[in-house]
PDB file of N, CA and C in Angstrom:
ATOM      1  N   MET A   1       0.113 -25.064  11.316  1.00  0.00           N
ATOM      2  CA  MET A   1      -0.921 -24.050  11.525  1.00  0.00           C
ATOM      3  C   MET A   1      -0.556 -23.401   9.964  1.00  0.00           C
ATOM      4  N   THR A   2      -0.979 -23.395   9.182  1.00  0.00           N
ATOM      5  CA  THR A   2      -0.370 -22.470   8.014  1.00  0.00           C
ATOM      6  C   THR A   2      -0.995 -20.705   8.289  1.00  0.00           C
ATOM      7  N   LYS A   3      -0.238 -20.144   7.319  1.00  0.00           N
ATOM      8  CA  LYS A   3      -0.558 -18.339   7.861  1.00  0.00           C
ATOM      9  C   LYS A   3      -1.163 -18.191   6.752  1.00  0.00           C
ATOM     10  N   LYS A   4      -2.238 -16.963   7.235  1.00  0.00           N
ATOM     11  CA  LYS A   4      -2.901 -16.684   5.698  1.00  0.00           C
ATOM     12  C   LYS A   4      -2.073 -15.527   4.860  1.00  0.00           C
ATOM     13  N   ARG A   5      -2.271 -15.459   3.790  1.00  0.00           N
ATOM     14  CA  ARG A   5      -1.682 -14.605   2.890  1.00  0.00           C
ATOM     15  C   ARG A   5      -2.573 -13.502   2.596  1.00  0.00           C
ATOM     16  N   ASN A   6      -2.341 -12.445   2.702  1.00  0.00           N
ATOM     17  CA  ASN A   6      -3.266 -11.205   2.262  1.00  0.00           C
ATOM     18  C   ASN A   6      -2.719 -10.819   1.102  1.00  0.00           C
ATOM     19  N   LEU A   7      -2.943 -11.574  -0.311  1.00  0.00           N
ATOM     20  CA  LEU A   7      -3.037 -11.399  -1.648  1.00  0.00           C
ATOM     21  C   LEU A   7      -4.029 -10.938  -2.152  1.00  0.00           C
ATOM     22  N   ASP A   8      -3.696 -10.207  -3.249  1.00  0.00           N
ATOM     23  CA  ASP A   8      -4.830 -10.185  -4.531  1.00  0.00           C
ATOM     24  C   ASP A   8      -3.993  -9.680  -5.683  1.00  0.00           C
ATOM     25  N   GLN A   9      -4.579  -9.402  -6.553  1.00  0.00           N
ATOM     26  CA  GLN A   9      -4.178  -8.740  -7.671  1.00  0.00           C
ATOM     27  C   GLN A   9      -3.934  -7.696  -7.995  1.00  0.00           C
ATOM     28  N   GLU A  10      -4.094  -6.759  -6.720  1.00  0.00           N
ATOM     29  CA  GLU A  10      -3.813  -5.106  -6.839  1.00  0.00           C
ATOM     30  C   GLU A  10      -2.134  -5.322  -5.737  1.00  0.00           C
ATOM     31  N   LYS A  11      -1.734  -6.469  -5.033  1.00  0.00           N
ATOM     32  CA  LYS A  11      -0.877  -6.452  -4.639  1.00  0.00           C
ATOM     33  C   LYS A  11       0.338  -7.131  -6.095  1.00  0.00           C
ATOM     34  N   VAL A  12      -0.164  -8.000  -6.309  1.00  0.00           N
ATOM     35  CA  VAL A  12       0.637  -8.441  -7.913  1.00  0.00           C
ATOM     36  C   VAL A  12       1.029  -7.555  -8.596  1.00  0.00           C
ATOM     37  N   LEU A  13       0.199  -7.229  -8.879  1.00  0.00           N
ATOM     38  CA  LEU A  13       0.296  -6.210  -9.602  1.00  0.00           C
ATOM     39  C   LEU A  13       1.297  -4.631  -9.484  1.00  0.00           C
ATOM     40  N   SER A  14       1.219  -4.035  -7.986  1.00  0.00           N
ATOM     41  CA  SER A  14       2.000  -3.391  -7.728  1.00  0.00           C
ATOM     42  C   SER A  14       3.717  -3.550  -7.203  1.00  0.00           C
ATOM     43  N   THR A  15       3.414  -5.036  -6.676  1.00  0.00           N
ATOM     44  CA  THR A  15       5.016  -5.777  -6.812  1.00  0.00           C
ATOM     45  C   THR A  15       5.615  -5.638  -8.201  1.00  0.00           C
ATOM     46  N   ALA A  16       4.554  -6.245  -9.404  1.00  0.00           N
ATOM     47  CA  ALA A  16       5.329  -6.029 -10.730  1.00  0.00           C
ATOM     48  C   ALA A  16       5.759  -4.562 -11.099  1.00  0.00           C
ATOM     49  N   THR A  17       5.364  -3.962 -10.672  1.00  0.00           N
ATOM     50  CA  THR A  17       5.317  -2.459 -11.192  1.00  0.00           C
ATOM     51  C   THR A  17       6.373  -2.083 -10.676  1.00  0.00           C
ATOM     52  N   GLU A  18       6.823  -2.583  -9.471  1.00  0.00           N
ATOM     53  CA  GLU A  18       7.932  -1.762  -8.463  1.00  0.00           C
ATOM     54  C   GLU A  18       9.318  -2.555  -9.543  1.00  0.00           C
ATOM     55  N   ILE A  19       8.890  -3.785  -9.807  1.00  0.00           N
ATOM     56  CA  ILE A  19      10.009  -4.814 -10.294  1.00  0.00           C
ATOM     57  C   ILE A  19      10.669  -3.781 -12.028  1.00  0.00           C
ATOM     58  N   VAL A  20       9.659  -3.550 -12.195  1.00  0.00           N
ATOM     59  CA  VAL A  20      10.006  -2.898 -13.488  1.00  0.00           C
ATOM     60  C   VAL A  20      10.330  -1.117 -13.598  1.00  0.00           C
ATOM     61  N   ARG A  21       9.829  -0.679 -12.153  1.00  0.00           N
ATOM     62  CA  ARG A  21      10.654   0.941 -12.536  1.00  0.00           C
ATOM     63  C   ARG A  21      11.795   0.297 -11.646  1.00  0.00           C
ATOM     64  N   ASN A  22      11.999  -0.254 -10.777  1.00  0.00           N
ATOM     65  CA  ASN A  22      13.303  -0.042 -10.554  1.00  0.00           C
ATOM     66  C   ASN A  22      14.172  -0.888 -11.586  1.00  0.00           C
ATOM     67  N   GLU A  23      14.265  -1.950 -12.502  1.00  0.00           N
ATOM     68  CA  GLU A  23      15.503  -2.803 -13.116  1.00  0.00           C
ATOM     69  C   GLU A  23      15.022  -3.176 -14.246  1.00  0.00           C
ATOM     70  N   GLY A  24      13.620  -2.564 -15.084  1.00  0.00           N
ATOM     71  CA  GLY A  24      13.492  -2.295 -16.066  1.00  0.00           C
ATOM     72  C   GLY A  24      12.803  -3.590 -16.614  1.00  0.00           C
ATOM     73  N   ILE A  25      11.912  -3.650 -17.577  1.00  0.00           N
ATOM     74  CA  ILE A  25      10.773  -4.916 -17.929  1.00  0.00           C
ATOM     75  C   ILE A  25      11.569  -6.512 -18.151  1.00  0.00           C
ATOM     76  N   LYS A  26      12.515  -5.953 -18.967  1.00  0.00           N
ATOM     77  CA  LYS A  26      12.992  -7.520 -19.005  1.00  0.00           C
ATOM     78  C   LYS A  26      13.444  -8.434 -17.618  1.00  0.00           C
ATOM     79  N   ALA A  27      13.515  -7.309 -16.196  1.00  0.00           N
ATOM     80  CA  ALA A  27      13.588  -8.493 -14.831  1.00  0.00           C
ATOM     81  C   ALA A  27      12.273  -8.552 -14.576  1.00  0.00           C
ATOM     82  N   LEU A  28      11.171  -8.502 -15.174  1.00  0.00           N
ATOM     83  CA  LEU A  28       9.538  -8.913 -14.421  1.00  0.00           C
ATOM     84  C   LEU A  28       9.824 -10.665 -15.682  1.00  0.00           C
ATOM     85  N   THR A  29       9.735 -11.171 -14.538  1.00  0.00           N
ATOM     86  CA  THR A  29       9.213 -12.692 -14.769  1.00  0.00           C
ATOM     87  C   THR A  29       8.471 -13.184 -13.909  1.00  0.00           C
ATOM     88  N   LEU A  30       7.649 -14.215 -14.223  1.00  0.00           N
ATOM     89  CA  LEU A  30       6.771 -14.902 -12.854  1.00  0.00           C
ATOM     90  C   LEU A  30       7.487 -15.430 -11.874  1.00  0.00           C
ATOM     91  N   SER A  31       8.750 -16.039 -12.538  1.00  0.00           N
ATOM     92  CA  SER A  31       9.676 -16.979 -10.754  1.00  0.00           C
ATOM     93  C   SER A  31      10.009 -15.571 -10.102  1.00  0.00           C
ATOM     94  N   ARG A  32      10.409 -14.368 -10.550  1.00  0.00           N
ATOM     95  CA  ARG A  32      11.018 -13.108 -10.235  1.00  0.00           C
ATOM     96  C   ARG A  32       9.684 -12.423  -9.106  1.00  0.00           C
ATOM     97  N   LEU A  33       8.939 -12.741  -9.560  1.00  0.00           N
ATOM     98  CA  LEU A  33       7.460 -11.830  -9.495  1.00  0.00           C
ATOM     99  C   LEU A  33       7.176 -12.891  -8.156  1.00  0.00           C
ATOM    100  N   ALA A  34       6.817 -14.202  -8.278  1.00  0.00           N
ATOM    101  CA  ALA A  34       6.525 -14.966  -7.053  1.00  0.00           C
ATOM    102  C   ALA A  34       7.415 -14.802  -5.811  1.00  0.00           C
ATOM    103  N   SER A  35       9.273 -14.673  -5.874  1.00  0.00           N
ATOM    104  CA  SER A  35       9.859 -14.481  -5.145  1.00  0.00           C
ATOM    105  C   SER A  35       9.774 -13.817  -4.134  1.00  0.00           C
ATOM    106  N   GLU A  36       9.576 -12.707  -5.011  1.00  0.00           N
ATOM    107  CA  GLU A  36       9.207 -11.233  -4.106  1.00  0.00           C
ATOM    108  C   GLU A  36       7.777 -11.178  -3.626  1.00  0.00           C
ATOM    109  N   LEU A  37       7.325 -12.059  -3.805  1.00  0.00           N
ATOM    110  CA  LEU A  37       5.802 -12.421  -2.903  1.00  0.00           C
ATOM    111  C   LEU A  37       5.750 -13.465  -2.199  1.00  0.00           C
ATOM    112  N   ASP A  38       7.157 -14.155  -2.218  1.00  0.00           N
ATOM    113  CA  ASP A  38       7.204 -15.463  -1.194  1.00  0.00           C
ATOM    114  C   ASP A  38       5.434 -16.425  -1.520  1.00  0.00           C
ATOM    115  N   ILE A  39       5.677 -16.452  -2.793  1.00  0.00           N
ATOM    116  CA  ILE A  39       4.801 -17.564  -3.016  1.00  0.00           C
ATOM    117  C   ILE A  39       5.061 -18.198  -4.287  1.00  0.00           C
ATOM    118  N   ARG A  40       4.553 -19.645  -4.556  1.00  0.00           N
ATOM    119  CA  ARG A  40       4.864 -20.338  -5.427  1.00  0.00           C
ATOM    120  C   ARG A  40       4.352 -19.904  -7.193  1.00  0.00           C
ATOM    121  N   THR A  41       5.136 -20.128  -8.246  1.00  0.00           N
ATOM    122  CA  THR A  41       5.111 -19.426  -9.334  1.00  0.00           C
ATOM    123  C   THR A  41       3.406 -19.486  -9.614  1.00  0.00           C
ATOM    124  N   GLN A  42       3.147 -21.224  -9.380  1.00  0.00           N
ATOM    125  CA  GLN A  42       1.870 -21.685 -10.196  1.00  0.00           C
ATOM    126  C   GLN A  42       1.124 -20.412  -9.160  1.00  0.00           C
ATOM    127  N   SER A  43       1.204 -19.745  -8.208  1.00  0.00           N
ATOM    128  CA  SER A  43       0.052 -19.131  -7.745  1.00  0.00           C
ATOM    129  C   SER A  43      -0.399 -17.849  -7.947  1.00  0.00           C
ATOM    130  N   LEU A  44       0.461 -17.614  -8.753  1.00  0.00           N
ATOM    131  CA  LEU A  44       0.528 -16.539  -9.229  1.00  0.00           C
ATOM    132  C   LEU A  44      -0.868 -16.292 -10.445  1.00  0.00           C
ATOM    133  N   TYR A  45      -0.985 -17.766 -11.061  1.00  0.00           N
ATOM    134  CA  TYR A  45      -2.142 -17.832 -12.047  1.00  0.00           C
ATOM    135  C   TYR A  45      -3.762 -17.729 -11.717  1.00  0.00           C
ATOM    136  N   ASN A  46      -3.492 -17.646 -10.135  1.00  0.00           N
ATOM    137  CA  ASN A  46      -4.561 -17.382  -9.393  1.00  0.00           C
ATOM    138  C   ASN A  46      -5.157 -15.941  -9.504  1.00  0.00           C
ATOM    139  N   TYR A  47      -4.340 -15.063 -10.249  1.00  0.00           N
ATOM    140  CA  TYR A  47      -4.329 -13.628 -10.232  1.00  0.00           C
ATOM    141  C   TYR A  47      -4.230 -12.792 -11.534  1.00  0.00           C
ATOM    142  N   ILE A  48      -3.514 -13.620 -12.278  1.00  0.00           N
ATOM    143  CA  ILE A  48      -3.440 -13.228 -13.935  1.00  0.00           C
ATOM    144  C   ILE A  48      -3.032 -14.735 -14.712  1.00  0.00           C
ATOM    145  N   ALA A  49      -3.531 -14.223 -16.206  1.00  0.00           N
ATOM    146  CA  ALA A  49      -3.419 -15.624 -17.341  1.00  0.00           C
ATOM    147  C   ALA A  49      -2.127 -15.749 -17.518  1.00  0.00           C
ATOM    148  N   ASN A  50      -1.028 -15.012 -17.776  1.00  0.00           N
ATOM    149  CA  ASN A  50      -0.123 -15.637 -17.624  1.00  0.00           C
ATOM    150  C   ASN A  50       1.143 -14.194 -17.832  1.00  0.00           C
ATOM    151  N   LEU A  51       1.886 -14.433 -18.249  1.00  0.00           N
ATOM    152  CA  LEU A  51       3.249 -13.163 -18.096  1.00  0.00           C
ATOM    153  C   LEU A  51       2.827 -12.083 -19.166  1.00  0.00           C
ATOM    154  N   ASP A  52       2.103 -12.579 -20.707  1.00  0.00           N
ATOM    155  CA  ASP A  52       1.744 -11.535 -21.296  1.00  0.00           C
ATOM    156  C   ASP A  52       0.709 -10.394 -20.702  1.00  0.00           C
ATOM    157  N   GLU A  53      -0.395 -10.541 -20.038  1.00  0.00           N
ATOM    158  CA  GLU A  53      -1.630  -9.933 -19.267  1.00  0.00           C
ATOM    159  C   GLU A  53      -0.565  -9.083 -18.247  1.00  0.00           C
ATOM    160  N   LEU A  54       0.277 -10.119 -17.237  1.00  0.00           N
ATOM    161  CA  LEU A  54       0.918  -9.228 -16.614  1.00  0.00           C
ATOM    162  C   LEU A  54       1.519  -8.049 -16.991  1.00  0.00           C
ATOM    163  N   ILE A  55       2.273  -8.076 -18.294  1.00  0.00           N
ATOM    164  CA  ILE A  55       2.825  -7.240 -19.000  1.00  0.00           C
ATOM    165  C   ILE A  55       2.048  -5.877 -18.934  1.00  0.00           C
ATOM    166  N   ALA A  56       0.850  -6.379 -19.769  1.00  0.00           N
ATOM    167  CA  ALA A  56      -0.098  -5.680 -20.231  1.00  0.00           C
ATOM    168  C   ALA A  56      -0.746  -4.714 -19.207  1.00  0.00           C
ATOM    169  N   LEU A  57      -1.012  -5.490 -18.069  1.00  0.00           N
ATOM    170  CA  LEU A  57      -1.862  -4.926 -17.297  1.00  0.00           C
ATOM    171  C   LEU A  57      -0.764  -3.862 -16.332  1.00  0.00           C
ATOM    172  N   VAL A  58       0.543  -3.791 -16.163  1.00  0.00           N
ATOM    173  CA  VAL A  58       1.484  -2.978 -15.474  1.00  0.00           C
ATOM    174  C   VAL A  58       1.588  -1.855 -16.533  1.00  0.00           C
ATOM    175  N   GLY A  59       1.403  -2.309 -17.842  1.00  0.00           N
ATOM    176  CA  GLY A  59       1.909  -1.253 -18.764  1.00  0.00           C
ATOM    177  C   GLY A  59       0.974  -0.169 -18.762  1.00  0.00           C
ATOM    178  N   ALA A  60       0.006  -0.747 -18.560  1.00  0.00           N
ATOM    179  CA  ALA A  60      -1.295  -0.145 -18.496  1.00  0.00           C
ATOM    180  C   ALA A  60      -1.651   0.922 -17.081  1.00  0.00           C
ATOM    181  N   ARG A  61      -1.236   0.169 -16.231  1.00  0.00           N
ATOM    182  CA  ARG A  61      -0.781   1.087 -14.487  1.00  0.00           C
ATOM    183  C   ARG A  61      -0.328   2.314 -15.360  1.00  0.00           C
ATOM    184  N   LEU A  62       1.183   2.139 -15.772  1.00  0.00           N
ATOM    185  CA  LEU A  62       2.358   2.964 -15.903  1.00  0.00           C
ATOM    186  C   LEU A  62       1.813   4.414 -16.776  1.00  0.00           C
ATOM    187  N   VAL A  63       0.660   3.671 -17.701  1.00  0.00           N
ATOM    188  CA  VAL A  63       0.325   4.456 -19.092  1.00  0.00           C
ATOM    189  C   VAL A  63      -0.855   5.838 -17.629  1.00  0.00           C
ATOM    190  N   ASN A  64      -1.895   5.008 -17.118  1.00  0.00           N
ATOM    191  CA  ASN A  64      -2.402   5.767 -16.382  1.00  0.00           C
ATOM    192  C   ASN A  64      -1.691   6.936 -15.411  1.00  0.00           C
ATOM    193  N   LYS A  65      -0.712   6.378 -14.580  1.00  0.00           N
ATOM    194  CA  LYS A  65       0.147   7.128 -14.308  1.00  0.00           C
ATOM    195  C   LYS A  65       0.236   8.555 -14.804  1.00  0.00           C
ATOM    196  N   LEU A  66       1.215   7.705 -15.712  1.00  0.00           N
ATOM    197  CA  LEU A  66       1.390   9.251 -16.179  1.00  0.00           C
ATOM    198  C   LEU A  66       0.796  10.129 -17.031  1.00  0.00           C
ATOM    199  N   ARG A  67      -0.544   9.631 -17.468  1.00  0.00           N
ATOM    200  CA  ARG A  67      -1.731  10.784 -17.419  1.00  0.00           C
ATOM    201  C   ARG A  67      -1.854  11.279 -16.334  1.00  0.00           C
ATOM    202  N   GLN A  68      -1.970  10.883 -15.163  1.00  0.00           N
ATOM    203  CA  GLN A  68      -2.604  11.772 -13.689  1.00  0.00           C
ATOM    204  C   GLN A  68      -1.824  12.340 -13.567  1.00  0.00           C
ATOM    205  N   LYS A  69      -0.465  12.167 -13.670  1.00  0.00           N
ATOM    206  CA  LYS A  69       0.461  13.299 -13.506  1.00  0.00           C
ATOM    207  C   LYS A  69       0.975  14.258 -14.476  1.00  0.00           C
ATOM    208  N   ASN A  70       0.115  14.311 -15.810  1.00  0.00           N
ATOM    209  CA  ASN A  70       0.177  15.433 -16.657  1.00  0.00           C
ATOM    210  C   ASN A  70      -1.243  16.136 -16.666  1.00  0.00           C
ATOM    211  N   ASN A  71      -2.193  15.406 -15.694  1.00  0.00           N
ATOM    212  CA  ASN A  71      -3.367  16.440 -15.704  1.00  0.00           C
ATOM    213  C   ASN A  71      -3.430  17.019 -14.439  1.00  0.00           C
TER     214      ASN A  71
END
């Protein structure tokens, strides 16, 4: 019996954001993110196009959080 995963783009982005916050942008790789999520690296492509898109999405998320903090 296979276990059902509760994975979506939000979970992928949240985990990626935490890696960046804790260790910096250079620590964010697809293999590292996949390891944190306990999935295969190829499975990430169901949620993101590539590392560049992931970095852009994480950056936008962090900028939005900063804007909310300052308002």
